[in-house]
C-alpha cells in the first residue's frame, strides 16, 4: 500500500514534537498575553471618577497622549464624528463651571476637555439614526479610551454630563452642528475614591435571550456557572 494511502488511513503517523526553542517562545507569548490582560484589567478596575485635584499642571504631551487614544475608538463607518476642545484658560473654565450648574469642584481641575459630537459626520451616511445614536456611541467610546489612558498615565478624570449645552456652545463658539456631549476634568489628585458597589455578572448577563441570566442557569443546573471573574 502506498505511503500516502497509509497516512490517509491514520496509520504510520508519528506525533510531531515541537522543538524546545519554539516551546519556550509559545510559553513566553502566553505569559505576555496574560500580563497584558492583567495590566488592562488593572487600569479598568482602578479608574475612578475623581472630583479633587491638586495644583500640579498637566504637561501638554500627556494631554496629547490622552487625546490620541480617542482616535482608536470604534465608530460607525469609521466616520469618527468627534471633536475635542481643550480648555486651560482660567476665565473660560469659570464660565464652564457656571454652565455646569456651579459645580465648583470642576474649577480645581487644571484641564477641561469638552467632548463634542460632529452632527454632520454622524448623520452623513446613517441619517437620523446616526445623529441620535451612532454619533453619541462613538464619542462615548472615545471618551472611555481617554479615561483609561489618563489612568494609565497617573492622571485623574471625571466624566461630567450635567451642564447646559446651549451655554457651553456659546462659551466655546461651537457652530450649530457641533454638540457638546460631555466635559472631562483632567489633572492630578492626592486622593483616590473607594470603588463603589458593582453588579455581579450573574445579575446582568443574559444567555441567548433576556431573562436567561447566569443566576437562572445556576438555579436550573444546580451548579455554579462558568465565567471569568472580573472583580
Protein backbone atom coordinates (compact mmCIF):
# COMPACT_ATOMS: atom_id res chain seq x y z
CA UNK A 1 0.00 0.00 0.00
CA UNK A 2 1.44 3.40 -0.93
CA UNK A 3 2.71 5.53 1.96
CA UNK A 4 0.24 8.31 1.16
CA UNK A 5 -2.69 5.91 1.50
CA UNK A 6 -1.38 4.57 4.80
CA UNK A 7 -1.09 8.12 6.12
CA UNK A 8 -4.61 8.83 4.96
CA UNK A 9 -5.93 5.91 6.98
CA UNK A 10 -4.17 7.26 10.04
CA UNK A 11 -1.52 4.55 10.06
CA UNK A 12 2.12 5.16 10.36
CA UNK A 13 1.59 8.65 11.79
CA UNK A 14 4.03 9.88 14.39
CA UNK A 15 3.42 12.62 16.91
CA UNK A 16 5.22 15.80 15.86
CA UNK A 17 7.42 17.11 18.64
CA UNK A 18 7.72 20.88 18.91
CA UNK A 19 11.38 21.93 19.20
CA UNK A 20 12.31 23.20 22.65
CA UNK A 21 13.15 26.67 21.39
CA UNK A 22 9.61 27.01 19.96
CA UNK A 23 8.03 25.67 23.15
CA UNK A 24 9.77 28.43 25.05
CA UNK A 25 8.50 31.01 22.57
CA UNK A 26 4.91 29.76 22.88
CA UNK A 27 5.10 29.89 26.68
CA UNK A 28 6.54 33.41 26.51
CA UNK A 29 3.73 34.58 24.21
CA UNK A 30 1.14 33.09 26.54
CA UNK A 31 2.71 34.82 29.53
CA UNK A 32 2.83 38.13 27.65
CA UNK A 33 -0.88 37.87 26.85
CA UNK A 34 -1.70 37.09 30.47
CA UNK A 35 0.39 40.03 31.66
CA UNK A 36 -1.28 42.32 29.11
CA UNK A 37 -4.72 41.19 30.26
CA UNK A 38 -3.81 41.79 33.89
CA UNK A 39 -2.45 45.26 33.06
CA UNK A 40 -5.58 46.26 31.12
CA UNK A 41 -7.85 44.86 33.81
CA UNK A 42 -5.93 46.75 36.48
CA UNK A 43 -6.35 50.06 34.64
CA UNK A 44 -10.07 49.42 34.14
CA UNK A 45 -10.65 48.43 37.77
CA UNK A 46 -8.59 51.28 39.23
CA UNK A 47 -10.21 54.09 37.26
CA UNK A 48 -12.37 56.35 39.40
CA UNK A 49 -14.43 59.49 38.92
CA UNK A 50 -12.24 61.96 40.82
CA UNK A 51 -13.50 65.35 41.99
CA UNK A 52 -10.49 66.62 43.95
CA UNK A 53 -7.36 67.92 42.22
CA UNK A 54 -4.12 69.46 43.37
CA UNK A 55 -2.40 72.42 41.70
CA UNK A 56 0.09 70.39 39.66
CA UNK A 57 -0.11 71.27 35.97
CA UNK A 58 -0.52 68.62 33.29
CA UNK A 59 2.15 68.57 30.57
CA UNK A 60 0.88 69.18 27.06
CA UNK A 61 2.40 65.96 25.75
CA UNK A 62 0.36 63.96 28.28
CA UNK A 63 -2.82 65.74 27.20
CA UNK A 64 -1.99 64.86 23.60
CA UNK A 65 -1.48 61.20 24.52
CA UNK A 66 -4.89 61.14 26.17
CA UNK A 67 -6.48 62.74 23.11
CA UNK A 68 -4.63 60.45 20.72
CA UNK A 69 -6.26 57.42 22.31
CA UNK A 70 -9.66 58.75 21.21
CA UNK A 71 -8.73 58.14 17.57
CA UNK A 72 -8.69 54.39 18.15
CA UNK A 73 -12.27 54.18 19.39
CA UNK A 74 -14.79 52.40 17.13
CA UNK A 75 -17.27 54.46 15.12
CA UNK A 76 -19.93 53.56 12.57
CA UNK A 77 -18.48 53.65 9.07
CA UNK A 78 -15.22 54.86 10.66
CA UNK A 79 -16.58 58.40 10.33
CA UNK A 80 -15.07 59.37 13.71
CA UNK A 81 -17.70 62.06 14.47
CA UNK A 82 -15.92 63.64 17.41
CA UNK A 83 -14.34 66.99 18.22
CA UNK A 84 -12.44 67.85 21.42
CA UNK A 85 -11.87 71.30 22.87
CA UNK A 86 -9.08 71.61 25.44
CA UNK A 87 -9.66 74.39 27.96
CA UNK A 88 -6.95 75.63 30.34
CA UNK A 89 -7.70 79.36 30.48
CA UNK A 90 -8.98 80.27 34.00
CA UNK A 91 -11.66 82.66 32.79
CA UNK A 92 -13.16 80.19 30.30
CA UNK A 93 -13.05 77.49 32.96
CA UNK A 94 -15.03 79.73 35.31
CA UNK A 95 -17.67 80.22 32.64
CA UNK A 96 -17.86 76.47 32.04
CA UNK A 97 -18.27 75.85 35.78
CA UNK A 98 -21.32 78.13 35.72
CA UNK A 99 -22.60 76.17 32.71
CA UNK A 100 -22.16 73.01 34.82
CA UNK A 101 -24.72 74.46 37.24
CA UNK A 102 -21.97 75.78 39.53
CA UNK A 103 -20.21 72.53 40.33
CA UNK A 104 -17.37 74.43 42.00
CA UNK A 105 -15.00 71.46 42.25
CA UNK A 106 -14.66 71.46 38.43
CA UNK A 107 -12.64 74.68 38.65
CA UNK A 108 -9.84 72.89 40.54
CA UNK A 109 -9.03 70.62 37.60
CA UNK A 110 -6.16 72.17 35.60
CA UNK A 111 -7.58 70.92 32.30
CA UNK A 112 -11.10 70.57 30.94
CA UNK A 113 -11.73 68.65 27.74
CA UNK A 114 -15.10 69.25 26.13
CA UNK A 115 -16.07 66.26 24.00
CA UNK A 116 -18.40 67.15 21.15
CA UNK A 117 -20.38 65.23 18.56
CA UNK A 118 -19.98 66.40 14.98
CA UNK A 119 -23.56 66.06 13.77
CA UNK A 120 -22.63 66.42 10.10
CA UNK A 121 -20.32 63.42 10.26
CA UNK A 122 -22.67 61.41 12.47
CA UNK A 123 -25.56 61.84 10.03
CA UNK A 124 -23.52 61.71 6.83
CA UNK A 125 -24.50 58.18 5.78
CA UNK A 126 -26.72 56.98 8.62
CA UNK A 127 -29.15 59.89 8.75
CA UNK A 128 -31.32 60.27 11.84
CA UNK A 129 -30.07 57.05 13.47
CA UNK A 130 -26.51 58.25 13.10
CA UNK A 131 -27.47 61.62 14.54
CA UNK A 132 -29.37 60.26 17.54
CA UNK A 133 -27.41 57.11 18.30
CA UNK A 134 -24.21 56.29 16.38
CA UNK A 135 -22.59 59.68 16.94
CA UNK A 136 -23.19 59.52 20.70
CA UNK A 137 -21.93 55.93 20.81
CA UNK A 138 -18.71 56.87 19.01
CA UNK A 139 -17.98 59.86 21.24
CA UNK A 140 -18.70 57.78 24.35
CA UNK A 141 -16.27 55.09 23.20
CA UNK A 142 -13.64 57.75 22.53
CA UNK A 143 -14.15 59.23 25.99
CA UNK A 144 -13.71 55.84 27.64
CA UNK A 145 -10.42 55.39 25.78
CA UNK A 146 -9.31 58.75 27.11
CA UNK A 147 -10.30 57.97 30.70
CA UNK A 148 -8.38 54.69 30.68
CA UNK A 149 -5.33 56.26 29.04
CA UNK A 150 -5.33 59.02 31.64
CA UNK A 151 -5.49 56.42 34.41
CA UNK A 152 -2.53 54.55 32.91
CA UNK A 153 -0.55 57.82 32.89
CA UNK A 154 -1.24 58.51 36.57
CA UNK A 155 -3.85 61.18 35.85
CA UNK A 156 -7.32 61.52 37.33
CA UNK A 157 -10.54 62.27 35.47
CA UNK A 158 -14.26 62.70 35.84
CA UNK A 159 -16.91 62.43 33.13
CA UNK A 160 -19.43 65.28 33.51
CA UNK A 161 -22.76 65.12 31.74
CA UNK A 162 -24.71 67.72 33.74
CA UNK A 163 -24.38 71.07 32.00
CA UNK A 164 -26.23 73.43 29.68
CA UNK A 165 -25.38 72.53 26.10
CA UNK A 166 -26.59 75.92 24.91
CA UNK A 167 -24.35 77.86 27.29
CA UNK A 168 -21.31 75.64 26.68
CA UNK A 169 -21.78 76.03 22.91
CA UNK A 170 -21.94 79.79 23.28
CA UNK A 171 -18.85 79.95 25.52
CA UNK A 172 -16.77 77.83 23.15
CA UNK A 173 -18.26 79.36 19.98
CA UNK A 174 -19.34 75.99 18.63
CA UNK A 175 -21.16 76.02 15.28
CA UNK A 176 -24.68 74.61 15.18
CA UNK A 177 -23.59 71.15 14.01
CA UNK A 178 -21.15 70.69 16.92
CA UNK A 179 -22.93 69.38 20.03
CA UNK A 180 -21.12 69.41 23.41
CA UNK A 181 -21.71 65.91 24.76
CA UNK A 182 -19.50 65.71 27.85
CA UNK A 183 -16.91 67.62 29.83
CA UNK A 184 -13.90 65.69 31.13
CA UNK A 185 -11.84 67.01 34.03
CA UNK A 186 -8.16 66.09 33.85
CA UNK A 187 -5.43 66.53 36.43
CA UNK A 188 -3.57 65.08 39.37
CA UNK A 189 -5.25 64.11 42.61
CA UNK A 190 -3.93 63.32 46.07
CA UNK A 191 -7.00 61.21 46.77
CA UNK A 192 -8.42 58.03 45.31
CA UNK A 193 -12.10 57.33 45.99
CA UNK A 194 -13.05 53.84 47.07
CA UNK A 195 -14.63 51.61 44.47
CA UNK A 196 -18.43 51.95 44.52
CA UNK A 197 -20.57 48.79 44.62
CA UNK A 198 -20.56 46.91 41.33
CA UNK A 199 -23.02 44.40 39.93
CA UNK A 200 -22.03 40.76 39.60
CA UNK A 201 -22.09 39.13 36.18
CA UNK A 202 -24.98 36.86 37.11
CA UNK A 203 -27.13 39.94 37.67
CA UNK A 204 -26.90 41.41 34.19
CA UNK A 205 -25.58 38.78 31.75
CA UNK A 206 -28.31 37.01 29.76
CA UNK A 207 -27.63 33.89 27.69
CA UNK A 208 -29.47 33.55 24.39
CA UNK A 209 -32.42 35.70 25.39
CA UNK A 210 -33.39 38.25 28.01
CA UNK A 211 -34.19 36.74 31.38
CA UNK A 212 -31.97 33.71 30.99
CA UNK A 213 -29.32 35.07 33.32
CA UNK A 214 -26.28 33.29 34.69
CA UNK A 215 -28.13 33.18 38.01
CA UNK A 216 -31.07 31.42 36.37
CA UNK A 217 -28.70 28.94 34.75
CA UNK A 218 -27.25 28.26 38.17
CA UNK A 219 -30.71 27.58 39.58
CA UNK A 220 -31.65 25.30 36.68
CA UNK A 221 -28.44 23.32 36.56
CA UNK A 222 -27.80 23.47 40.30
CA UNK A 223 -24.17 24.13 39.72
CA UNK A 224 -22.01 27.21 39.52
CA UNK A 225 -21.94 28.81 36.05
CA UNK A 226 -18.60 29.14 34.34
CA UNK A 227 -17.40 32.68 33.66
CA UNK A 228 -14.35 34.87 34.17
CA UNK A 229 -14.48 36.80 37.41
CA UNK A 230 -13.87 40.49 36.71
CA UNK A 231 -13.68 41.69 40.29
